[in-house]
Every structure is written in C-alpha cells, then in structure tokens.
Amino acid sequence: MGQYFWIAIPAQLFFQYCGETMEKHRAHAYIETINRRSGERNYVKYNKENQSAFLESFSSADYHGFFLSTYPFSDQEDITSSGLFYDSPVAEYSIAGSGGYETDRTREIIHLRQIMKQADKSAKAFFAALQRNLKKIPDLRITLKSGNKNHLYLPTPKSIIPQNAHSRLIEIPWEEHCLSKGLVYRQE
C-alpha cells in the first residue's frame, strides 16, 4: 500500500525542515508548473541559490505540484518530459506532493504520497526520515478534523484548506472555492 502524509505548514518552513533530510538522503525537490494555455510542463529544481524563486512558484497560477526524488539524475538528463516522475524507473524513487499555497486568509495543506507501492529502498528511507523530522517541528499539533485521517498542522489564525485538486471544472480560484463551499479544516 502507498504511503500518505498530510501537514499544514508554510512551504518555506516545510523545505527548511526537510532540507537537511534531503541532503542526507541525496534527494532533490522539483516544482511542476503547467502553462494553462499551452499545456507545457516546466520543472524548477530546488537548491540553496534559487530558494526564493522556488518558493515563489507555489504562488504561481501555473503551479501544479511538486516532487521529492532520490533518483540519481545526471546533469545531462532532461526532466521536462511530461509525466516523468510517474514513469519507471523514476517513479520508484519519487514522492508526489501537492498543496502549499498560502495567502493572508488561508494556508493550503501539503499532501505527500509515495508514488509506487514497491518503492526503492532509498525513497522509503527518505520518506520515513522526512516524516520523523517534520513531526519534530516545535508547536506542531497532531490532528485537523477531516474524517478519520490524521493531519499535522501548525496553529494559525488562517483557514486551512485542502490541497488543490487541480480541477479544471472549478472556474474560480481554489481558495475562493474552498471558502465558499465550507471546505475548511477545523483546528483542534
């Protein structure tokens, strides 16, 4: 069975806490953007030099999601092909992420999912270490009310909304949709 993990914290803090774990496990983070007009996919790789540009991508209208991967890409490999992280052999090494958008009114929950049920041992070890590390964040609370799933969160006066489903059927911004439909997690 695939592994899932939900946490509602600012994206900047998320990557601050997972940076050391990524370095230790030789993992890399990539944000995927999809141009709404052309459908062209682009990936922004996280590193210390482009940290602010990487984090600004979460606010882009073209932001689609992000990936954490222990796959040993060579410098020459092109990671712009569509669906790359879902194809073998890369999928065995990858964790898909969604959410992380934040405004002055809302914070979107971050959802992580191990893509393959039979993941590579480096991806499994990284995902387990990442979860342990994130659970050590000071003031982190253990559950938001949402069915029977456990969610972690940092308390905030903002409304916490679900991760973006990227539904093309929703014509208003995701934040407005969640607030108007009452799709808000209750903090305990």
Protein backbone atom coordinates (compact mmCIF):
# COMPACT_ATOMS: atom_id res chain seq x y z
CA MET A 1 0.00 0.00 0.00
CA GLY A 2 1.27 3.51 -0.84
CA GLN A 3 2.13 5.88 1.98
CA TYR A 4 0.45 9.24 2.56
CA PHE A 5 1.30 12.19 4.79
CA TRP A 6 -0.59 15.47 5.40
CA ILE A 7 0.85 18.57 7.05
CA ALA A 8 -0.37 22.18 7.12
CA ILE A 9 2.66 24.44 7.45
CA PRO A 10 4.08 27.23 5.28
CA ALA A 11 6.00 25.85 2.28
CA GLN A 12 9.08 27.82 3.32
CA LEU A 13 9.11 26.13 6.73
CA PHE A 14 8.42 22.74 5.12
CA PHE A 15 11.53 23.00 2.92
CA GLN A 16 13.57 24.46 5.77
CA TYR A 17 12.86 21.35 7.85
CA CYS A 18 13.26 18.84 5.05
CA GLY A 19 16.44 20.42 3.62
CA GLU A 20 18.82 18.54 5.91
CA THR A 21 16.95 15.25 5.36
CA MET A 22 17.07 15.80 1.58
CA GLU A 23 20.82 16.41 1.74
CA LYS A 24 21.45 13.34 3.90
CA HIS A 25 19.43 11.06 1.60
CA ARG A 26 20.60 12.71 -1.66
CA ALA A 27 17.04 13.70 -2.52
CA HIS A 28 16.02 16.66 -4.65
CA ALA A 29 12.82 18.70 -4.91
CA TYR A 30 11.18 19.82 -8.14
CA ILE A 31 8.16 22.08 -8.63
CA GLU A 32 6.00 21.30 -11.64
CA THR A 33 4.23 24.14 -13.41
CA ILE A 34 1.84 23.65 -16.30
CA ASN A 35 1.17 26.58 -18.62
CA ARG A 36 -2.61 26.97 -18.69
CA ARG A 37 -2.68 28.00 -22.33
CA SER A 38 -0.13 25.72 -23.98
CA GLY A 39 -0.15 22.81 -21.54
CA GLU A 40 3.67 22.92 -21.48
CA ARG A 41 5.24 21.49 -18.31
CA ASN A 42 8.24 23.05 -16.64
CA TYR A 43 10.21 21.98 -13.60
CA VAL A 44 12.09 24.17 -11.15
CA LYS A 45 14.73 22.31 -9.14
CA TYR A 46 15.28 23.36 -5.54
CA ASN A 47 18.74 24.43 -4.43
CA LYS A 48 20.08 26.98 -1.97
CA GLU A 49 20.85 29.50 -4.73
CA ASN A 50 17.27 29.62 -6.10
CA GLN A 51 15.37 29.03 -2.87
CA SER A 52 13.28 32.22 -3.11
CA ALA A 53 12.35 31.64 -6.78
CA PHE A 54 11.47 28.04 -5.96
CA LEU A 55 9.18 29.05 -3.08
CA GLU A 56 7.55 31.81 -5.17
CA SER A 57 6.47 29.09 -7.62
CA PHE A 58 3.90 27.92 -5.04
CA SER A 59 2.01 31.18 -5.64
CA SER A 60 2.11 30.95 -9.44
CA ALA A 61 -1.17 30.45 -11.29
CA ASP A 62 0.62 27.68 -13.23
CA TYR A 63 1.75 25.77 -10.10
CA HIS A 64 0.59 22.16 -10.30
CA GLY A 65 2.53 20.25 -7.63
CA PHE A 66 5.99 19.18 -6.53
CA PHE A 67 8.11 16.05 -6.34
CA LEU A 68 10.76 14.81 -3.96
CA SER A 69 13.02 12.24 -5.57
CA THR A 70 16.10 10.19 -4.71
CA TYR A 71 16.50 9.21 -8.38
CA PRO A 72 20.15 9.82 -9.43
CA PHE A 73 19.53 12.18 -12.39
CA SER A 74 22.68 13.03 -14.31
CA ASP A 75 23.32 16.68 -15.17
CA GLN A 76 22.62 15.92 -18.82
CA GLU A 77 19.20 14.32 -18.27
CA ASP A 78 16.20 16.36 -19.29
CA ILE A 79 13.45 16.39 -16.67
CA THR A 80 10.94 18.31 -18.77
CA SER A 81 9.17 15.35 -20.34
CA SER A 82 5.52 15.02 -19.38
CA GLY A 83 4.78 12.65 -16.53
CA LEU A 84 8.44 11.80 -15.95
CA PHE A 85 8.07 11.28 -12.21
CA TYR A 86 5.23 8.79 -12.73
CA ASP A 87 7.17 6.63 -15.22
CA SER A 88 9.61 3.81 -14.42
CA PRO A 89 12.31 3.83 -13.22
CA VAL A 90 11.94 7.35 -11.75
CA ALA A 91 8.58 6.61 -10.06
CA GLU A 92 10.17 4.04 -7.74
CA TYR A 93 12.33 6.84 -6.32
CA SER A 94 9.72 9.61 -6.13
CA ILE A 95 7.22 11.17 -3.75
CA ALA A 96 4.48 13.38 -5.20
CA GLY A 97 3.42 16.48 -3.31
CA SER A 98 0.55 18.89 -3.67
CA GLY A 99 -0.64 21.95 -1.80
CA GLY A 100 1.49 24.53 -0.03
CA TYR A 101 -0.21 27.67 -1.38
CA GLU A 102 -0.67 30.34 1.29
CA THR A 103 -2.31 33.76 1.41
CA ASP A 104 -3.17 36.19 4.20
CA ARG A 105 -6.51 34.34 4.67
CA THR A 106 -5.69 30.68 4.06
CA ARG A 107 -3.00 28.02 4.30
CA GLU A 108 -3.28 25.03 1.98
CA ILE A 109 -2.41 21.65 3.47
CA ILE A 110 0.60 19.84 1.96
CA HIS A 111 -0.11 16.27 0.89
CA LEU A 112 2.75 13.82 0.22
CA ARG A 113 2.28 10.46 -1.46
CA GLN A 114 4.83 7.77 -2.19
CA ILE A 115 4.10 7.08 -5.88
CA MET A 116 4.92 3.37 -6.05
CA LYS A 117 3.73 0.73 -3.59
CA GLN A 118 7.04 -1.07 -4.08
CA ALA A 119 9.33 1.95 -3.85
CA ASP A 120 13.11 1.84 -3.96
CA LYS A 121 14.70 1.43 -0.53
CA SER A 122 16.34 4.88 -0.79
CA ALA A 123 12.93 6.50 -1.37
CA LYS A 124 11.37 4.55 1.51
CA ALA A 125 14.17 5.53 3.89
CA PHE A 126 13.97 9.17 2.81
CA PHE A 127 10.17 9.31 3.22
CA ALA A 128 10.32 7.74 6.70
CA ALA A 129 13.10 10.11 7.80
CA LEU A 130 11.25 13.09 6.35
CA GLN A 131 8.09 12.24 8.31
CA ARG A 132 10.07 11.77 11.54
CA ASN A 133 11.84 15.09 11.03
CA LEU A 134 8.64 17.02 10.24
CA LYS A 135 6.92 15.62 13.34
CA LYS A 136 9.66 17.24 15.46
CA ILE A 137 8.68 20.81 14.48
CA PRO A 138 8.05 22.82 17.67
CA ASP A 139 4.35 23.57 18.38
CA LEU A 140 3.16 21.07 15.75
CA ARG A 141 -0.27 19.66 16.51
CA ILE A 142 -1.47 16.19 15.61
CA THR A 143 -4.90 16.40 14.04
CA LEU A 144 -7.17 18.54 11.99
CA LYS A 145 -10.78 17.43 11.81
CA SER A 146 -11.27 15.73 8.45
CA GLY A 147 -12.89 12.33 8.53
CA ASN A 148 -10.67 9.63 10.01
CA LYS A 149 -7.34 10.79 8.57
CA ASN A 150 -4.60 12.19 10.79
CA HIS A 151 -3.24 15.55 9.71
CA LEU A 152 -0.44 17.58 11.27
CA TYR A 153 -0.56 21.36 11.47
CA LEU A 154 0.97 24.44 12.96
CA PRO A 155 -1.73 26.54 14.63
CA THR A 156 -2.69 29.62 12.62
CA PRO A 157 -5.48 32.21 12.60
CA LYS A 158 -5.87 31.42 8.88
CA SER A 159 -8.37 28.95 7.46
CA ILE A 160 -6.70 25.69 6.48
CA ILE A 161 -7.99 24.40 3.15
CA PRO A 162 -7.47 21.06 1.32
CA GLN A 163 -4.66 20.63 -1.18
CA ASN A 164 -5.61 21.80 -4.66
CA ALA A 165 -7.25 19.09 -6.70
CA HIS A 166 -6.24 20.97 -9.88
CA SER A 167 -9.76 20.56 -11.19
CA ARG A 168 -10.29 22.32 -14.49
CA LEU A 169 -14.05 22.36 -13.72
CA ILE A 170 -13.59 24.94 -10.96
CA GLU A 171 -13.62 28.37 -12.59
CA ILE A 172 -12.91 30.47 -9.52
CA PRO A 173 -9.62 30.40 -7.56
CA TRP A 174 -9.22 27.28 -5.39
CA GLU A 175 -9.07 29.37 -2.21
CA GLU A 176 -12.41 31.05 -3.01
CA HIS A 177 -13.97 27.71 -3.93
CA CYS A 178 -12.95 26.14 -0.59
CA LEU A 179 -14.12 29.11 1.48
CA SER A 180 -17.46 29.40 -0.35
CA LYS A 181 -18.19 25.67 -0.04
CA GLY A 182 -17.06 25.44 3.59
CA LEU A 183 -14.22 23.03 2.72
CA VAL A 184 -12.13 24.22 5.67
CA TYR A 185 -10.33 22.04 8.21
CA ARG A 186 -11.08 22.77 11.86
CA GLN A 187 -8.07 23.16 14.12
CA GLU A 188 -8.32 21.35 17.45
